Amino acid sequence: MKEVEQIYFNEFGVAFHWKKNNTVLKEKVQIVFKETGFYLSYEEIKAFAELIENTCEEVGCDACSHRGGCHKFLLKTPLKQVDLAVSKSELFQIKDLVEGTLFNMDLYDYLNKICRN
């Protein structure tokens, strides 16, 4: 297996950059969760975060008799041909994974580009 530079992880998945010949390949991020892997650009991850947020807003459990015990929700991805069937718990774990990845990428960018003096 190739070397990786981890960006973020939680109990559900991990996000990382691949390394090749001791060089970190920063163009795309590998996000892996629930036997699924996505290799996405920063813009695609941001689009995924927005799709996740839209799905979270649609998941209203307050007036529902199932109280969050629903079987699955359909989560759209930045890949128009791919949607995921996820539980409410999985949805929020994916949300954390994607938002944590974006946060760490933005922080790294800030610290290594903007703060250079």
N, C-alpha and C. Protein backbone atom coordinates (compact mmCIF):
# COMPACT_ATOMS: atom_id res chain seq x y z
N MET A 1 0.83 -1.18 0.00
CA MET A 1 0.00 0.00 0.00
C MET A 1 0.88 1.25 0.00
N LYS A 2 0.47 2.25 -0.73
CA LYS A 2 1.21 3.50 -0.79
C LYS A 2 1.11 4.23 0.54
N GLU A 3 2.05 5.12 0.77
CA GLU A 3 2.01 5.94 1.96
C GLU A 3 0.92 7.00 1.81
N VAL A 4 0.42 7.45 2.95
CA VAL A 4 -0.63 8.45 2.95
C VAL A 4 -0.31 9.55 3.96
N GLU A 5 -0.92 10.72 3.75
CA GLU A 5 -0.87 11.80 4.72
C GLU A 5 -2.30 12.03 5.19
N GLN A 6 -2.57 11.62 6.42
CA GLN A 6 -3.93 11.71 6.97
C GLN A 6 -4.34 13.16 7.16
N ILE A 7 -5.59 13.46 6.80
CA ILE A 7 -6.15 14.79 6.97
C ILE A 7 -7.10 14.82 8.16
N TYR A 8 -8.00 13.83 8.21
CA TYR A 8 -9.01 13.79 9.27
C TYR A 8 -9.57 12.37 9.34
N PHE A 9 -10.00 11.98 10.55
CA PHE A 9 -10.66 10.68 10.70
C PHE A 9 -11.67 10.78 11.83
N ASN A 10 -12.65 9.89 11.78
CA ASN A 10 -13.56 9.69 12.91
C ASN A 10 -13.82 8.18 12.98
N GLU A 11 -14.74 7.77 13.83
CA GLU A 11 -15.01 6.33 13.98
C GLU A 11 -15.57 5.70 12.71
N PHE A 12 -16.07 6.53 11.81
CA PHE A 12 -16.75 6.03 10.62
C PHE A 12 -15.86 5.96 9.39
N GLY A 13 -14.85 6.84 9.32
CA GLY A 13 -14.03 6.86 8.12
C GLY A 13 -12.78 7.69 8.27
N VAL A 14 -12.10 7.88 7.12
CA VAL A 14 -10.84 8.59 7.11
C VAL A 14 -10.71 9.37 5.80
N ALA A 15 -10.00 10.49 5.88
CA ALA A 15 -9.67 11.28 4.69
C ALA A 15 -8.17 11.49 4.66
N PHE A 16 -7.57 11.33 3.48
CA PHE A 16 -6.13 11.46 3.39
C PHE A 16 -5.70 11.82 1.97
N HIS A 17 -4.45 12.30 1.87
CA HIS A 17 -3.78 12.50 0.58
C HIS A 17 -2.88 11.30 0.35
N TRP A 18 -2.80 10.85 -0.89
CA TRP A 18 -1.84 9.81 -1.23
C TRP A 18 -0.46 10.43 -1.34
N LYS A 19 0.58 9.63 -1.10
CA LYS A 19 1.96 10.03 -1.32
C LYS A 19 2.54 9.15 -2.42
N LYS A 20 3.34 9.78 -3.28
CA LYS A 20 4.02 9.03 -4.33
C LYS A 20 5.44 9.57 -4.43
N ASN A 21 6.42 8.70 -4.30
CA ASN A 21 7.82 9.09 -4.33
C ASN A 21 8.12 10.21 -3.32
N ASN A 22 7.62 10.04 -2.11
CA ASN A 22 7.80 10.99 -1.01
C ASN A 22 7.21 12.37 -1.28
N THR A 23 6.32 12.47 -2.26
CA THR A 23 5.63 13.72 -2.56
C THR A 23 4.15 13.52 -2.25
N VAL A 24 3.58 14.46 -1.50
CA VAL A 24 2.16 14.38 -1.17
C VAL A 24 1.36 14.90 -2.36
N LEU A 25 0.43 14.08 -2.84
CA LEU A 25 -0.41 14.44 -3.98
C LEU A 25 -1.63 15.19 -3.46
N LYS A 26 -1.58 16.52 -3.51
CA LYS A 26 -2.58 17.36 -2.86
C LYS A 26 -3.75 17.74 -3.77
N GLU A 27 -3.75 17.34 -5.02
CA GLU A 27 -4.82 17.72 -5.94
C GLU A 27 -6.18 17.15 -5.54
N LYS A 28 -6.14 15.95 -4.98
CA LYS A 28 -7.38 15.28 -4.59
C LYS A 28 -7.22 14.63 -3.22
N VAL A 29 -8.36 14.35 -2.61
CA VAL A 29 -8.40 13.73 -1.29
C VAL A 29 -9.15 12.41 -1.39
N GLN A 30 -8.60 11.37 -0.80
CA GLN A 30 -9.28 10.08 -0.70
C GLN A 30 -10.10 10.09 0.57
N ILE A 31 -11.42 9.93 0.44
CA ILE A 31 -12.31 9.83 1.60
C ILE A 31 -12.91 8.43 1.58
N VAL A 32 -12.70 7.69 2.67
CA VAL A 32 -13.14 6.30 2.73
C VAL A 32 -14.04 6.11 3.94
N PHE A 33 -15.22 5.54 3.72
CA PHE A 33 -16.14 5.18 4.79
C PHE A 33 -17.06 4.09 4.29
N LYS A 34 -17.46 3.21 5.20
CA LYS A 34 -18.44 2.15 4.91
C LYS A 34 -18.18 1.43 3.58
N GLU A 35 -17.02 0.88 3.43
CA GLU A 35 -16.63 0.15 2.22
C GLU A 35 -16.74 0.98 0.95
N THR A 36 -16.70 2.30 1.07
CA THR A 36 -16.83 3.18 -0.08
C THR A 36 -15.68 4.18 -0.06
N GLY A 37 -15.10 4.41 -1.20
CA GLY A 37 -14.04 5.41 -1.31
C GLY A 37 -14.35 6.41 -2.40
N PHE A 38 -14.12 7.67 -2.09
CA PHE A 38 -14.26 8.75 -3.07
C PHE A 38 -12.92 9.45 -3.18
N TYR A 39 -12.51 9.77 -4.40
CA TYR A 39 -11.28 10.50 -4.66
C TYR A 39 -11.71 11.84 -5.23
N LEU A 40 -11.74 12.87 -4.37
CA LEU A 40 -12.39 14.13 -4.72
C LEU A 40 -11.44 15.32 -4.62
N SER A 41 -11.70 16.32 -5.46
CA SER A 41 -10.98 17.58 -5.36
C SER A 41 -11.58 18.40 -4.22
N TYR A 42 -10.91 19.47 -3.85
CA TYR A 42 -11.40 20.35 -2.79
C TYR A 42 -12.80 20.87 -3.14
N GLU A 43 -13.00 21.30 -4.37
CA GLU A 43 -14.29 21.82 -4.81
C GLU A 43 -15.38 20.75 -4.73
N GLU A 44 -15.05 19.52 -5.08
CA GLU A 44 -16.02 18.43 -4.99
C GLU A 44 -16.36 18.11 -3.52
N ILE A 45 -15.39 18.22 -2.63
CA ILE A 45 -15.66 17.99 -1.21
C ILE A 45 -16.59 19.08 -0.69
N LYS A 46 -16.35 20.33 -1.09
CA LYS A 46 -17.24 21.43 -0.68
C LYS A 46 -18.66 21.19 -1.21
N ALA A 47 -18.78 20.73 -2.45
CA ALA A 47 -20.10 20.43 -3.02
C ALA A 47 -20.75 19.29 -2.25
N PHE A 48 -19.97 18.28 -1.86
CA PHE A 48 -20.48 17.16 -1.08
C PHE A 48 -20.99 17.65 0.27
N ALA A 49 -20.24 18.55 0.91
CA ALA A 49 -20.66 19.11 2.20
C ALA A 49 -22.01 19.82 2.07
N GLU A 50 -22.19 20.53 0.97
CA GLU A 50 -23.46 21.22 0.75
C GLU A 50 -24.60 20.22 0.53
N LEU A 51 -24.35 19.17 -0.23
CA LEU A 51 -25.36 18.13 -0.44
C LEU A 51 -25.72 17.45 0.88
N ILE A 52 -24.73 17.20 1.71
CA ILE A 52 -24.97 16.59 3.02
C ILE A 52 -25.82 17.52 3.87
N GLU A 53 -25.48 18.80 3.89
CA GLU A 53 -26.23 19.79 4.69
C GLU A 53 -27.68 19.85 4.22
N ASN A 54 -27.90 19.83 2.91
CA ASN A 54 -29.27 19.84 2.38
C ASN A 54 -30.04 18.61 2.83
N THR A 55 -29.39 17.46 2.82
CA THR A 55 -30.05 16.22 3.25
C THR A 55 -30.34 16.28 4.74
N CYS A 56 -29.41 16.80 5.53
CA CYS A 56 -29.62 16.92 6.99
C CYS A 56 -30.83 17.81 7.28
N GLU A 57 -30.99 18.88 6.51
CA GLU A 57 -32.13 19.77 6.71
C GLU A 57 -33.45 19.09 6.37
N GLU A 58 -33.42 18.18 5.39
CA GLU A 58 -34.63 17.45 4.98
C GLU A 58 -35.01 16.36 5.97
N VAL A 59 -34.06 15.88 6.75
CA VAL A 59 -34.30 14.80 7.70
C VAL A 59 -34.92 15.42 8.95
N GLY A 60 -36.23 15.45 8.98
CA GLY A 60 -36.93 16.00 10.14
C GLY A 60 -37.53 14.88 10.96
N CYS A 61 -37.04 14.72 12.16
CA CYS A 61 -37.50 13.61 13.01
C CYS A 61 -38.41 14.08 14.14
N ASP A 62 -38.58 15.38 14.28
CA ASP A 62 -39.35 15.89 15.41
C ASP A 62 -40.78 15.36 15.44
N ALA A 63 -41.46 15.38 14.30
CA ALA A 63 -42.86 14.98 14.26
C ALA A 63 -43.03 13.54 13.77
N CYS A 64 -41.93 12.83 13.61
CA CYS A 64 -41.98 11.48 13.05
C CYS A 64 -42.12 10.44 14.16
N SER A 65 -42.92 9.42 13.92
CA SER A 65 -43.13 8.38 14.92
C SER A 65 -41.95 7.41 15.02
N HIS A 66 -41.07 7.41 14.02
CA HIS A 66 -39.92 6.49 14.03
C HIS A 66 -38.78 6.99 14.92
N ARG A 67 -38.77 8.29 15.28
CA ARG A 67 -37.77 8.90 16.17
C ARG A 67 -36.32 8.60 15.75
N GLY A 68 -36.04 8.81 14.49
CA GLY A 68 -34.67 8.61 14.00
C GLY A 68 -34.32 7.17 13.71
N GLY A 69 -35.27 6.26 13.83
CA GLY A 69 -35.00 4.86 13.58
C GLY A 69 -35.32 4.45 12.15
N CYS A 70 -35.36 5.41 11.25
CA CYS A 70 -35.67 5.12 9.85
C CYS A 70 -34.60 4.22 9.26
N HIS A 71 -34.99 3.48 8.25
CA HIS A 71 -34.08 2.53 7.64
C HIS A 71 -32.94 3.25 6.91
N LYS A 72 -33.24 4.04 5.88
CA LYS A 72 -32.20 4.68 5.08
C LYS A 72 -32.70 5.99 4.48
N PHE A 73 -31.76 6.89 4.21
CA PHE A 73 -31.99 8.13 3.47
C PHE A 73 -31.12 8.08 2.23
N LEU A 74 -31.55 8.76 1.19
CA LEU A 74 -30.76 8.83 -0.03
C LEU A 74 -29.90 10.09 0.02
N LEU A 75 -28.59 9.91 0.00
CA LEU A 75 -27.63 11.01 0.05
C LEU A 75 -27.00 11.15 -1.32
N LYS A 76 -27.18 12.31 -1.93
CA LYS A 76 -26.55 12.60 -3.21
C LYS A 76 -25.07 12.86 -2.97
N THR A 77 -24.27 12.59 -3.98
CA THR A 77 -22.83 12.83 -3.92
C THR A 77 -22.44 13.78 -5.06
N PRO A 78 -21.22 14.29 -5.04
CA PRO A 78 -20.79 15.16 -6.14
C PRO A 78 -20.71 14.42 -7.48
N LEU A 79 -20.71 13.11 -7.41
CA LEU A 79 -20.72 12.30 -8.63
C LEU A 79 -22.18 12.05 -9.00
N LYS A 80 -22.64 12.71 -10.04
CA LYS A 80 -24.06 12.70 -10.40
C LYS A 80 -24.63 11.28 -10.57
N GLN A 81 -23.77 10.32 -10.91
CA GLN A 81 -24.23 8.95 -11.13
C GLN A 81 -24.32 8.14 -9.84
N VAL A 82 -23.87 8.71 -8.71
CA VAL A 82 -23.79 7.94 -7.48
C VAL A 82 -24.57 8.62 -6.35
N ASP A 83 -25.52 7.91 -5.77
CA ASP A 83 -26.21 8.30 -4.55
C ASP A 83 -25.96 7.20 -3.53
N LEU A 84 -26.00 7.55 -2.25
CA LEU A 84 -25.76 6.57 -1.19
C LEU A 84 -27.00 6.41 -0.33
N ALA A 85 -27.31 5.19 0.04
CA ALA A 85 -28.38 4.91 0.99
C ALA A 85 -27.71 4.82 2.36
N VAL A 86 -28.05 5.78 3.25
CA VAL A 86 -27.41 5.84 4.56
C VAL A 86 -28.46 6.01 5.65
N SER A 87 -28.14 5.54 6.84
CA SER A 87 -29.00 5.75 8.00
C SER A 87 -28.77 7.17 8.51
N LYS A 88 -29.62 7.61 9.42
CA LYS A 88 -29.46 8.94 9.99
C LYS A 88 -28.12 9.05 10.71
N SER A 89 -27.76 8.04 11.46
CA SER A 89 -26.48 8.03 12.16
C SER A 89 -25.31 8.12 11.18
N GLU A 90 -25.36 7.34 10.12
CA GLU A 90 -24.31 7.37 9.11
C GLU A 90 -24.23 8.74 8.44
N LEU A 91 -25.38 9.33 8.18
CA LEU A 91 -25.43 10.66 7.56
C LEU A 91 -24.65 11.67 8.40
N PHE A 92 -24.88 11.67 9.71
CA PHE A 92 -24.20 12.63 10.57
C PHE A 92 -22.72 12.30 10.76
N GLN A 93 -22.36 11.02 10.68
CA GLN A 93 -20.94 10.66 10.74
C GLN A 93 -20.21 11.07 9.46
N ILE A 94 -20.88 10.92 8.32
CA ILE A 94 -20.30 11.37 7.05
C ILE A 94 -20.16 12.89 7.06
N LYS A 95 -21.18 13.57 7.60
CA LYS A 95 -21.14 15.03 7.73
C LYS A 95 -19.92 15.45 8.53
N ASP A 96 -19.68 14.81 9.67
CA ASP A 96 -18.53 15.12 10.50
C ASP A 96 -17.22 14.87 9.74
N LEU A 97 -17.15 13.76 9.03
CA LEU A 97 -15.94 13.41 8.29
C LEU A 97 -15.64 14.46 7.22
N VAL A 98 -16.64 14.85 6.45
CA VAL A 98 -16.44 15.81 5.37
C VAL A 98 -16.14 17.21 5.92
N GLU A 99 -16.89 17.64 6.94
CA GLU A 99 -16.64 18.97 7.52
C GLU A 99 -15.28 19.02 8.22
N GLY A 100 -14.89 17.96 8.90
CA GLY A 100 -13.58 17.91 9.54
C GLY A 100 -12.45 17.94 8.52
N THR A 101 -12.66 17.27 7.40
CA THR A 101 -11.68 17.28 6.31
C THR A 101 -11.51 18.69 5.76
N LEU A 102 -12.62 19.35 5.47
CA LEU A 102 -12.56 20.73 4.96
C LEU A 102 -11.90 21.67 5.97
N PHE A 103 -12.27 21.53 7.23
CA PHE A 103 -11.68 22.38 8.27
C PHE A 103 -10.17 22.23 8.31
N ASN A 104 -9.69 20.99 8.34
CA ASN A 104 -8.25 20.75 8.43
C ASN A 104 -7.53 21.21 7.16
N MET A 105 -8.16 21.04 6.00
CA MET A 105 -7.55 21.51 4.76
C MET A 105 -7.45 23.03 4.76
N ASP A 106 -8.51 23.71 5.19
CA ASP A 106 -8.50 25.17 5.25
C ASP A 106 -7.48 25.67 6.27
N LEU A 107 -7.40 25.00 7.42
CA LEU A 107 -6.43 25.38 8.44
C LEU A 107 -5.01 25.21 7.93
N TYR A 108 -4.73 24.09 7.30
CA TYR A 108 -3.40 23.84 6.73
C TYR A 108 -3.06 24.92 5.70
N ASP A 109 -4.01 25.23 4.84
CA ASP A 109 -3.81 26.26 3.81
C ASP A 109 -3.51 27.60 4.47
N TYR A 110 -4.26 27.94 5.49
CA TYR A 110 -4.06 29.20 6.20
C TYR A 110 -2.67 29.26 6.84
N LEU A 111 -2.31 28.20 7.53
CA LEU A 111 -1.04 28.19 8.24
C LEU A 111 0.17 28.15 7.31
N ASN A 112 0.04 27.47 6.19
CA ASN A 112 1.20 27.28 5.33
C ASN A 112 1.29 28.25 4.15
N LYS A 113 0.23 28.95 3.85
CA LYS A 113 0.28 29.89 2.73
C LYS A 113 0.08 31.32 3.20
N ILE A 114 -0.97 31.56 3.93
CA ILE A 114 -1.32 32.92 4.31
C ILE A 114 -0.40 33.43 5.40
N CYS A 115 -0.01 32.59 6.36
CA CYS A 115 0.78 33.03 7.50
C CYS A 115 2.27 33.06 7.25
N ARG A 116 2.71 32.74 6.05
CA ARG A 116 4.15 32.77 5.76
C ARG A 116 4.63 34.22 5.73
N ASN A 117 5.58 34.51 6.54
CA ASN A 117 6.19 35.86 6.57
C ASN A 117 7.65 35.74 6.84
